[in-house]
């Protein structure tokens, strides 16, 4: 009887330890990001935005949105689309509304053929994406 009771407690202890390890490793927001990779990609996006190149306004917003989505995925935020991942990550964003506005601008660029993007609106969106990436610990 004592041996089976001891075996039971050891089994419960092992199962509990494994469960704790799995939860710790898969919990949102605790994965480390390669900040050098994200900084390099971010600087490339920033350098490409030029006042004299209207095409760069849209491309930079699209690229910044992709970079944020990549960081969200890598951090382990779940969702079928980026909006779902953004909702799950919302508590960590210091300015949720600006990130949502930037993502909405991206959606307009991607889905509305006649959308006009100004330098100022793209700069505002990039500022929001930069802050979100900082909030995630990516840059």
Protein backbone atom coordinates (compact mmCIF):
# COMPACT_ATOMS: atom_id res chain seq x y z
CA UNK A 1 0.00 0.00 0.00
CA UNK A 2 2.79 2.46 0.85
CA UNK A 3 4.61 1.75 -2.42
CA UNK A 4 1.49 2.41 -4.52
CA UNK A 5 0.76 5.61 -2.59
CA UNK A 6 4.35 6.78 -3.13
CA UNK A 7 4.09 5.92 -6.84
CA UNK A 8 0.86 7.94 -7.07
CA UNK A 9 2.44 11.03 -5.48
CA UNK A 10 5.51 10.80 -7.73
CA UNK A 11 3.27 10.49 -10.81
CA UNK A 12 1.20 13.52 -9.74
CA UNK A 13 4.39 15.51 -9.10
CA UNK A 14 5.82 14.65 -12.53
CA UNK A 15 2.54 15.43 -14.30
CA UNK A 16 2.25 18.75 -12.47
CA UNK A 17 5.80 19.72 -13.37
CA UNK A 18 5.24 18.87 -17.03
CA UNK A 19 1.97 20.80 -17.09
CA UNK A 20 3.65 23.83 -15.54
CA UNK A 21 6.48 23.66 -18.11
CA UNK A 22 4.06 23.47 -21.04
CA UNK A 23 1.99 26.40 -19.77
CA UNK A 24 5.10 28.49 -19.14
CA UNK A 25 6.51 27.87 -22.60
CA UNK A 26 3.28 28.52 -24.50
CA UNK A 27 1.96 31.49 -22.56
CA UNK A 28 1.45 34.61 -24.75
CA UNK A 29 3.96 37.38 -24.53
CA UNK A 30 6.83 35.48 -22.93
CA UNK A 31 8.79 34.49 -26.01
CA UNK A 32 11.92 36.47 -26.72
CA UNK A 33 12.22 38.15 -30.09
CA UNK A 34 15.37 38.68 -32.12
CA UNK A 35 15.51 42.44 -31.60
CA UNK A 36 18.41 42.88 -34.01
CA UNK A 37 16.40 41.30 -36.82
CA UNK A 38 13.39 43.50 -36.07
CA UNK A 39 15.47 46.67 -35.72
CA UNK A 40 17.17 46.03 -39.05
CA UNK A 41 13.88 45.46 -40.81
CA UNK A 42 12.36 48.50 -39.10
CA UNK A 43 15.22 50.79 -40.14
CA UNK A 44 14.83 49.59 -43.74
CA UNK A 45 11.13 50.55 -43.65
CA UNK A 46 11.89 53.95 -42.10
CA UNK A 47 14.58 54.75 -44.67
CA UNK A 48 12.30 53.87 -47.57
CA UNK A 49 9.66 56.44 -46.62
CA UNK A 50 10.42 59.53 -48.70
CA UNK A 51 8.33 62.69 -49.10
CA UNK A 52 9.16 62.85 -52.80
CA UNK A 53 8.11 59.24 -53.47
CA UNK A 54 4.32 58.84 -53.01
CA UNK A 55 4.53 55.12 -53.77
CA UNK A 56 6.71 54.71 -50.69
CA UNK A 57 3.87 55.94 -48.47
CA UNK A 58 1.75 52.86 -49.11
CA UNK A 59 4.62 50.36 -49.27
CA UNK A 60 6.01 51.43 -45.91
CA UNK A 61 2.63 51.09 -44.21
CA UNK A 62 2.16 47.62 -45.72
CA UNK A 63 5.64 46.53 -44.66
CA UNK A 64 5.29 47.92 -41.14
CA UNK A 65 1.99 46.10 -40.71
CA UNK A 66 3.61 42.84 -41.87
CA UNK A 67 6.47 43.36 -39.44
CA UNK A 68 4.09 43.87 -36.54
CA UNK A 69 2.13 40.77 -37.54
CA UNK A 70 5.36 38.79 -37.67
CA UNK A 71 6.25 39.93 -34.14
CA UNK A 72 2.76 39.08 -32.86
CA UNK A 73 3.00 35.58 -34.32
CA UNK A 74 6.50 35.05 -33.01
CA UNK A 75 5.44 36.16 -29.53
CA UNK A 76 2.73 33.51 -29.67
CA UNK A 77 -0.41 35.60 -30.00
CA UNK A 78 -3.15 33.47 -31.49
CA UNK A 79 -5.66 34.34 -34.17
CA UNK A 80 -6.67 33.48 -37.70
CA UNK A 81 -6.06 37.03 -38.93
CA UNK A 82 -3.92 39.86 -37.67
CA UNK A 83 -6.91 41.65 -36.14
CA UNK A 84 -7.45 38.64 -33.87
CA UNK A 85 -3.80 38.66 -32.81
CA UNK A 86 -4.01 42.42 -32.18
CA UNK A 87 -7.09 41.93 -29.99
CA UNK A 88 -5.26 39.28 -27.96
CA UNK A 89 -2.25 41.56 -27.58
CA UNK A 90 -4.29 44.71 -26.88
CA UNK A 91 -3.43 44.92 -23.16
CA UNK A 92 0.26 45.38 -23.91
CA UNK A 93 -0.17 48.20 -26.43
CA UNK A 94 0.42 51.62 -24.91
CA UNK A 95 -1.79 53.24 -27.55
CA UNK A 96 -4.29 50.72 -28.90
CA UNK A 97 -6.28 53.25 -30.91
CA UNK A 98 -3.29 54.40 -32.94
CA UNK A 99 -2.26 50.82 -33.72
CA UNK A 100 -5.80 50.04 -34.86
CA UNK A 101 -5.88 53.18 -37.01
CA UNK A 102 -2.58 52.20 -38.62
CA UNK A 103 -3.86 48.69 -39.33
CA UNK A 104 -7.07 50.13 -40.78
CA UNK A 105 -4.98 52.29 -43.11
CA UNK A 106 -3.16 49.14 -44.20
CA UNK A 107 -6.50 47.48 -44.93
CA UNK A 108 -7.60 50.46 -47.01
CA UNK A 109 -4.37 50.29 -49.00
CA UNK A 110 -4.78 46.56 -49.56
CA UNK A 111 -8.50 46.55 -50.41
CA UNK A 112 -9.45 49.95 -51.83
CA UNK A 113 -7.85 50.63 -55.22
CA UNK A 114 -8.41 54.40 -55.16
CA UNK A 115 -7.16 55.10 -51.65
CA UNK A 116 -4.94 58.17 -51.32
CA UNK A 117 -2.24 58.05 -48.69
CA UNK A 118 -0.37 61.18 -47.71
CA UNK A 119 3.12 61.41 -46.30
CA UNK A 120 1.66 62.60 -42.98
CA UNK A 121 -0.82 59.72 -42.69
CA UNK A 122 1.90 57.19 -43.48
CA UNK A 123 4.25 58.83 -40.97
CA UNK A 124 1.51 58.68 -38.31
CA UNK A 125 0.89 55.01 -39.07
CA UNK A 126 4.61 54.23 -38.90
CA UNK A 127 4.85 55.95 -35.53
CA UNK A 128 2.00 53.76 -34.25
CA UNK A 129 3.59 50.57 -35.62
CA UNK A 130 6.96 51.54 -34.11
CA UNK A 131 5.40 52.01 -30.67
CA UNK A 132 3.54 48.69 -30.95
CA UNK A 133 6.79 46.95 -31.86
CA UNK A 134 8.46 48.58 -28.84
CA UNK A 135 5.58 47.47 -26.63
CA UNK A 136 6.13 43.89 -27.84
CA UNK A 137 9.86 44.11 -27.17
CA UNK A 138 10.71 43.67 -30.84
CA UNK A 139 12.66 46.91 -31.22
